[in-house]
């Protein structure tokens, strides 16, 4: 599967604007720089799994909306507690979580 970072950036920008937020306000909510938000929206920077989760939380959606263009809503918000737990992890822990998520996605459950 090819990941289209240009589309991801456009989806993030569209959702941000729909929420009436500036790049500065969103950057403060997600605890990253305004330049980084701009770079993500223009596909200059590739966001980590943690940043995608924090963006989804800040923009009141699921990561699916950014990654594949559709959001899972209507009671399927089990991802929120997971996203909150990611906030306090260091880089090494986040790398482990990212690898674990990739492994889980490969499983036929």
N, C-alpha and C. Protein backbone atom coordinates (compact mmCIF):
# COMPACT_ATOMS: atom_id res chain seq x y z
N UNK A 1 0.84 -1.19 0.00
CA UNK A 1 0.00 0.00 0.00
C UNK A 1 0.89 1.25 0.00
N UNK A 2 0.68 2.13 -0.95
CA UNK A 2 1.40 3.39 -1.00
C UNK A 2 0.67 4.43 -0.17
N UNK A 3 1.42 5.17 0.62
CA UNK A 3 0.84 6.21 1.44
C UNK A 3 0.98 7.53 0.70
N UNK A 4 -0.13 8.22 0.51
CA UNK A 4 -0.14 9.49 -0.21
C UNK A 4 -0.13 10.63 0.81
N UNK A 5 1.07 11.12 1.12
CA UNK A 5 1.21 12.16 2.13
C UNK A 5 0.62 13.48 1.69
N UNK A 6 0.53 13.70 0.38
CA UNK A 6 -0.12 14.92 -0.11
C UNK A 6 -1.60 14.90 0.27
N UNK A 7 -2.24 13.75 0.07
CA UNK A 7 -3.66 13.64 0.44
C UNK A 7 -3.86 13.72 1.95
N UNK A 8 -2.97 13.11 2.70
CA UNK A 8 -3.05 13.18 4.16
C UNK A 8 -2.98 14.64 4.60
N UNK A 9 -2.03 15.37 4.06
CA UNK A 9 -1.88 16.79 4.40
C UNK A 9 -3.11 17.60 4.04
N UNK A 10 -3.68 17.32 2.87
CA UNK A 10 -4.90 18.03 2.45
C UNK A 10 -6.06 17.72 3.38
N UNK A 11 -6.18 16.46 3.79
CA UNK A 11 -7.27 16.07 4.70
C UNK A 11 -7.12 16.75 6.06
N UNK A 12 -5.89 16.83 6.54
CA UNK A 12 -5.65 17.50 7.82
C UNK A 12 -5.99 18.97 7.70
N UNK A 13 -5.55 19.61 6.63
CA UNK A 13 -5.85 21.04 6.42
C UNK A 13 -7.36 21.28 6.30
N UNK A 14 -8.03 20.41 5.56
CA UNK A 14 -9.49 20.55 5.39
C UNK A 14 -10.20 20.44 6.74
N UNK A 15 -9.80 19.45 7.54
CA UNK A 15 -10.43 19.25 8.85
C UNK A 15 -10.12 20.43 9.77
N UNK A 16 -8.89 20.92 9.74
CA UNK A 16 -8.50 22.07 10.56
C UNK A 16 -9.35 23.28 10.22
N UNK A 17 -9.49 23.55 8.93
CA UNK A 17 -10.29 24.70 8.50
C UNK A 17 -11.76 24.52 8.85
N UNK A 18 -12.25 23.29 8.72
CA UNK A 18 -13.65 23.01 9.08
C UNK A 18 -13.89 23.29 10.56
N UNK A 19 -12.88 23.04 11.38
CA UNK A 19 -12.99 23.30 12.82
C UNK A 19 -12.73 24.78 13.15
N UNK A 20 -12.39 25.59 12.14
CA UNK A 20 -12.16 27.01 12.35
C UNK A 20 -10.85 27.31 13.07
N UNK A 21 -9.87 26.45 12.88
CA UNK A 21 -8.59 26.61 13.57
C UNK A 21 -7.51 27.11 12.62
N UNK A 22 -6.62 27.92 13.15
CA UNK A 22 -5.43 28.32 12.40
C UNK A 22 -4.35 27.27 12.61
N UNK A 23 -3.33 27.32 11.78
CA UNK A 23 -2.21 26.40 11.97
C UNK A 23 -1.55 26.65 13.33
N UNK A 24 -1.49 27.91 13.74
CA UNK A 24 -0.89 28.24 15.03
C UNK A 24 -1.68 27.61 16.17
N UNK A 25 -2.99 27.77 16.17
CA UNK A 25 -3.83 27.22 17.23
C UNK A 25 -3.71 25.69 17.26
N UNK A 26 -3.76 25.06 16.10
CA UNK A 26 -3.64 23.60 16.05
C UNK A 26 -2.27 23.17 16.56
N UNK A 27 -1.24 23.88 16.18
CA UNK A 27 0.11 23.52 16.63
C UNK A 27 0.21 23.58 18.15
N UNK A 28 -0.45 24.56 18.76
CA UNK A 28 -0.46 24.66 20.23
C UNK A 28 -1.22 23.49 20.85
N UNK A 29 -2.32 23.10 20.23
CA UNK A 29 -3.12 21.99 20.75
C UNK A 29 -2.38 20.65 20.67
N UNK A 30 -1.57 20.49 19.63
CA UNK A 30 -0.88 19.23 19.36
C UNK A 30 0.54 19.24 19.93
N UNK A 31 1.00 20.42 20.37
CA UNK A 31 2.32 20.58 20.95
C UNK A 31 3.44 20.32 19.94
N UNK A 32 3.27 20.91 18.75
CA UNK A 32 4.31 20.91 17.72
C UNK A 32 4.40 22.34 17.19
N UNK A 33 5.37 22.61 16.35
CA UNK A 33 5.51 23.97 15.83
C UNK A 33 4.51 24.24 14.70
N UNK A 34 4.22 25.51 14.53
CA UNK A 34 3.33 25.94 13.45
C UNK A 34 3.94 25.57 12.09
N UNK A 35 5.25 25.70 11.98
CA UNK A 35 5.95 25.35 10.73
C UNK A 35 5.76 23.86 10.43
N UNK A 36 5.80 23.02 11.46
CA UNK A 36 5.63 21.58 11.26
C UNK A 36 4.23 21.28 10.75
N UNK A 37 3.21 21.94 11.30
CA UNK A 37 1.83 21.76 10.81
C UNK A 37 1.76 22.15 9.34
N UNK A 38 2.34 23.29 9.00
CA UNK A 38 2.36 23.74 7.61
C UNK A 38 3.06 22.71 6.71
N UNK A 39 4.19 22.19 7.19
CA UNK A 39 4.94 21.20 6.41
C UNK A 39 4.15 19.90 6.22
N UNK A 40 3.43 19.48 7.24
CA UNK A 40 2.59 18.29 7.12
C UNK A 40 1.50 18.53 6.09
N UNK A 41 0.84 19.67 6.18
CA UNK A 41 -0.26 19.98 5.26
C UNK A 41 0.21 20.09 3.81
N UNK A 42 1.46 20.44 3.61
CA UNK A 42 2.02 20.56 2.26
C UNK A 42 2.83 19.33 1.85
N UNK A 43 2.82 18.30 2.68
CA UNK A 43 3.54 17.04 2.43
C UNK A 43 5.05 17.25 2.35
N UNK A 44 5.55 18.24 3.04
CA UNK A 44 6.99 18.47 3.13
C UNK A 44 7.56 17.59 4.26
N UNK A 45 6.78 17.43 5.33
CA UNK A 45 7.16 16.57 6.45
C UNK A 45 6.18 15.42 6.56
N UNK A 46 6.69 14.28 7.00
CA UNK A 46 5.85 13.09 7.20
C UNK A 46 5.58 12.96 8.69
N UNK A 47 4.31 13.03 9.09
CA UNK A 47 4.00 12.96 10.53
C UNK A 47 4.15 11.54 11.06
N UNK A 48 4.59 11.45 12.32
CA UNK A 48 4.70 10.15 12.98
C UNK A 48 3.30 9.66 13.37
N UNK A 49 3.24 8.42 13.77
CA UNK A 49 1.97 7.86 14.24
C UNK A 49 1.45 8.67 15.42
N UNK A 50 2.34 9.03 16.33
CA UNK A 50 1.92 9.81 17.49
C UNK A 50 1.31 11.14 17.06
N UNK A 51 1.93 11.82 16.13
CA UNK A 51 1.42 13.13 15.68
C UNK A 51 0.07 12.95 14.99
N UNK A 52 -0.07 11.92 14.17
CA UNK A 52 -1.38 11.65 13.53
C UNK A 52 -2.45 11.45 14.60
N UNK A 53 -2.13 10.70 15.64
CA UNK A 53 -3.09 10.46 16.72
C UNK A 53 -3.42 11.76 17.45
N UNK A 54 -2.41 12.57 17.73
CA UNK A 54 -2.66 13.85 18.43
C UNK A 54 -3.46 14.81 17.56
N UNK A 55 -3.18 14.82 16.25
CA UNK A 55 -3.96 15.66 15.34
C UNK A 55 -5.42 15.21 15.32
N UNK A 56 -5.63 13.91 15.24
CA UNK A 56 -7.00 13.38 15.23
C UNK A 56 -7.73 13.76 16.50
N UNK A 57 -7.07 13.65 17.63
CA UNK A 57 -7.68 14.00 18.90
C UNK A 57 -8.02 15.49 18.95
N UNK A 58 -7.08 16.32 18.53
CA UNK A 58 -7.29 17.77 18.54
C UNK A 58 -8.38 18.20 17.58
N UNK A 59 -8.51 17.49 16.47
CA UNK A 59 -9.49 17.85 15.44
C UNK A 59 -10.78 17.03 15.55
N UNK A 60 -10.92 16.31 16.67
CA UNK A 60 -12.14 15.57 16.99
C UNK A 60 -12.56 14.62 15.87
N UNK A 61 -11.62 13.78 15.48
CA UNK A 61 -11.88 12.77 14.45
C UNK A 61 -11.02 11.55 14.74
N UNK A 62 -11.00 10.62 13.82
CA UNK A 62 -10.14 9.45 13.95
C UNK A 62 -8.99 9.55 12.96
N UNK A 63 -7.90 8.86 13.21
CA UNK A 63 -6.79 8.88 12.26
C UNK A 63 -7.19 8.40 10.87
N UNK A 64 -8.22 7.56 10.79
CA UNK A 64 -8.70 7.07 9.50
C UNK A 64 -9.05 8.21 8.54
N UNK A 65 -9.61 9.28 9.09
CA UNK A 65 -10.01 10.39 8.23
C UNK A 65 -8.81 10.94 7.48
N UNK A 66 -7.67 11.01 8.14
CA UNK A 66 -6.46 11.53 7.49
C UNK A 66 -5.81 10.49 6.60
N UNK A 67 -5.76 9.26 7.07
CA UNK A 67 -5.02 8.21 6.37
C UNK A 67 -5.75 7.65 5.16
N UNK A 68 -7.07 7.44 5.29
CA UNK A 68 -7.82 6.83 4.18
C UNK A 68 -9.00 7.66 3.70
N UNK A 69 -9.26 8.77 4.38
CA UNK A 69 -10.31 9.67 3.91
C UNK A 69 -11.68 9.44 4.51
N UNK A 70 -11.81 8.49 5.44
CA UNK A 70 -13.09 8.27 6.11
C UNK A 70 -12.84 8.14 7.60
N UNK A 71 -13.77 8.66 8.37
CA UNK A 71 -13.65 8.60 9.82
C UNK A 71 -14.58 7.55 10.38
N UNK A 72 -14.10 6.83 11.37
CA UNK A 72 -14.95 5.88 12.08
C UNK A 72 -15.55 6.59 13.27
N UNK A 73 -16.82 6.78 13.24
CA UNK A 73 -17.50 7.45 14.34
C UNK A 73 -18.66 6.60 14.81
N UNK A 74 -19.51 7.20 15.61
CA UNK A 74 -20.70 6.49 16.06
C UNK A 74 -20.39 5.36 17.02
N UNK A 75 -19.75 5.70 18.14
CA UNK A 75 -19.49 4.70 19.14
C UNK A 75 -18.17 3.97 18.98
N UNK A 76 -17.48 4.18 17.89
CA UNK A 76 -16.20 3.50 17.67
C UNK A 76 -15.04 4.42 18.03
N UNK A 77 -15.12 5.06 19.18
CA UNK A 77 -14.08 6.00 19.58
C UNK A 77 -13.16 5.39 20.62
N UNK A 78 -12.91 4.11 20.53
CA UNK A 78 -12.03 3.42 21.46
C UNK A 78 -10.58 3.88 21.31
N UNK A 79 -10.26 4.56 20.23
CA UNK A 79 -8.90 5.03 19.98
C UNK A 79 -8.52 6.19 20.88
N UNK A 80 -9.49 6.95 21.39
CA UNK A 80 -9.18 8.14 22.19
C UNK A 80 -8.31 7.83 23.42
N UNK A 81 -8.67 6.83 24.23
CA UNK A 81 -7.81 6.55 25.39
C UNK A 81 -6.40 6.14 24.97
N UNK A 82 -6.28 5.45 23.86
CA UNK A 82 -4.96 5.05 23.35
C UNK A 82 -4.17 6.30 22.96
N UNK A 83 -4.82 7.22 22.26
CA UNK A 83 -4.15 8.45 21.84
C UNK A 83 -3.67 9.24 23.06
N UNK A 84 -4.48 9.29 24.09
CA UNK A 84 -4.09 10.01 25.31
C UNK A 84 -2.87 9.39 25.96
N UNK A 85 -2.79 8.06 25.94
CA UNK A 85 -1.66 7.39 26.57
C UNK A 85 -0.36 7.62 25.80
N UNK A 86 -0.44 7.93 24.53
CA UNK A 86 0.76 8.18 23.74
C UNK A 86 1.47 9.47 24.14
N UNK A 87 0.72 10.39 24.71
CA UNK A 87 1.29 11.70 25.04
C UNK A 87 2.53 11.64 25.92
N UNK A 88 2.56 10.76 26.89
CA UNK A 88 3.66 10.74 27.84
C UNK A 88 4.82 9.84 27.48
N UNK A 89 4.79 9.24 26.30
CA UNK A 89 5.85 8.30 25.93
C UNK A 89 7.07 9.00 25.34
N UNK A 90 8.24 8.42 25.58
CA UNK A 90 9.45 8.97 24.98
C UNK A 90 9.61 8.39 23.56
N UNK A 91 10.63 8.85 22.84
CA UNK A 91 10.81 8.43 21.44
C UNK A 91 10.99 6.91 21.30
N UNK A 92 11.74 6.32 22.21
CA UNK A 92 11.99 4.89 22.14
C UNK A 92 10.68 4.12 22.34
N UNK A 93 9.88 4.55 23.32
CA UNK A 93 8.59 3.91 23.57
C UNK A 93 7.65 4.09 22.39
N UNK A 94 7.64 5.28 21.80
CA UNK A 94 6.78 5.53 20.64
C UNK A 94 7.18 4.66 19.46
N UNK A 95 8.47 4.45 19.28
CA UNK A 95 8.92 3.57 18.21
C UNK A 95 8.42 2.15 18.40
N UNK A 96 8.45 1.71 19.65
CA UNK A 96 7.94 0.37 19.97
C UNK A 96 6.44 0.28 19.70
N UNK A 97 5.70 1.30 20.12
CA UNK A 97 4.26 1.33 19.89
C UNK A 97 3.96 1.33 18.39
N UNK A 98 4.70 2.11 17.63
CA UNK A 98 4.49 2.17 16.18
C UNK A 98 4.72 0.81 15.53
N UNK A 99 5.77 0.11 15.94
CA UNK A 99 6.03 -1.23 15.41
C UNK A 99 4.93 -2.21 15.82
N UNK A 100 4.47 -2.07 17.05
CA UNK A 100 3.40 -2.96 17.53
C UNK A 100 2.11 -2.73 16.73
N UNK A 101 1.77 -1.47 16.49
CA UNK A 101 0.57 -1.15 15.71
C UNK A 101 0.69 -1.74 14.31
N UNK A 102 1.87 -1.62 13.69
CA UNK A 102 2.07 -2.20 12.35
C UNK A 102 1.86 -3.70 12.40
N UNK A 103 2.38 -4.36 13.44
CA UNK A 103 2.21 -5.80 13.58
C UNK A 103 0.72 -6.16 13.76
N UNK A 104 0.02 -5.42 14.61
CA UNK A 104 -1.40 -5.69 14.85
C UNK A 104 -2.20 -5.55 13.56
N UNK A 105 -1.90 -4.54 12.77
CA UNK A 105 -2.62 -4.34 11.51
C UNK A 105 -2.42 -5.48 10.53
N UNK A 106 -1.31 -6.18 10.65
CA UNK A 106 -1.03 -7.31 9.76
C UNK A 106 -1.78 -8.57 10.17
N UNK A 107 -2.28 -8.62 11.39
CA UNK A 107 -2.94 -9.81 11.90
C UNK A 107 -4.35 -9.94 11.31
N UNK A 108 -4.73 -11.16 11.03
CA UNK A 108 -6.07 -11.42 10.52
C UNK A 108 -6.97 -11.78 11.70
N UNK A 109 -7.49 -10.75 12.32
CA UNK A 109 -8.32 -10.94 13.52
C UNK A 109 -9.79 -10.74 13.16
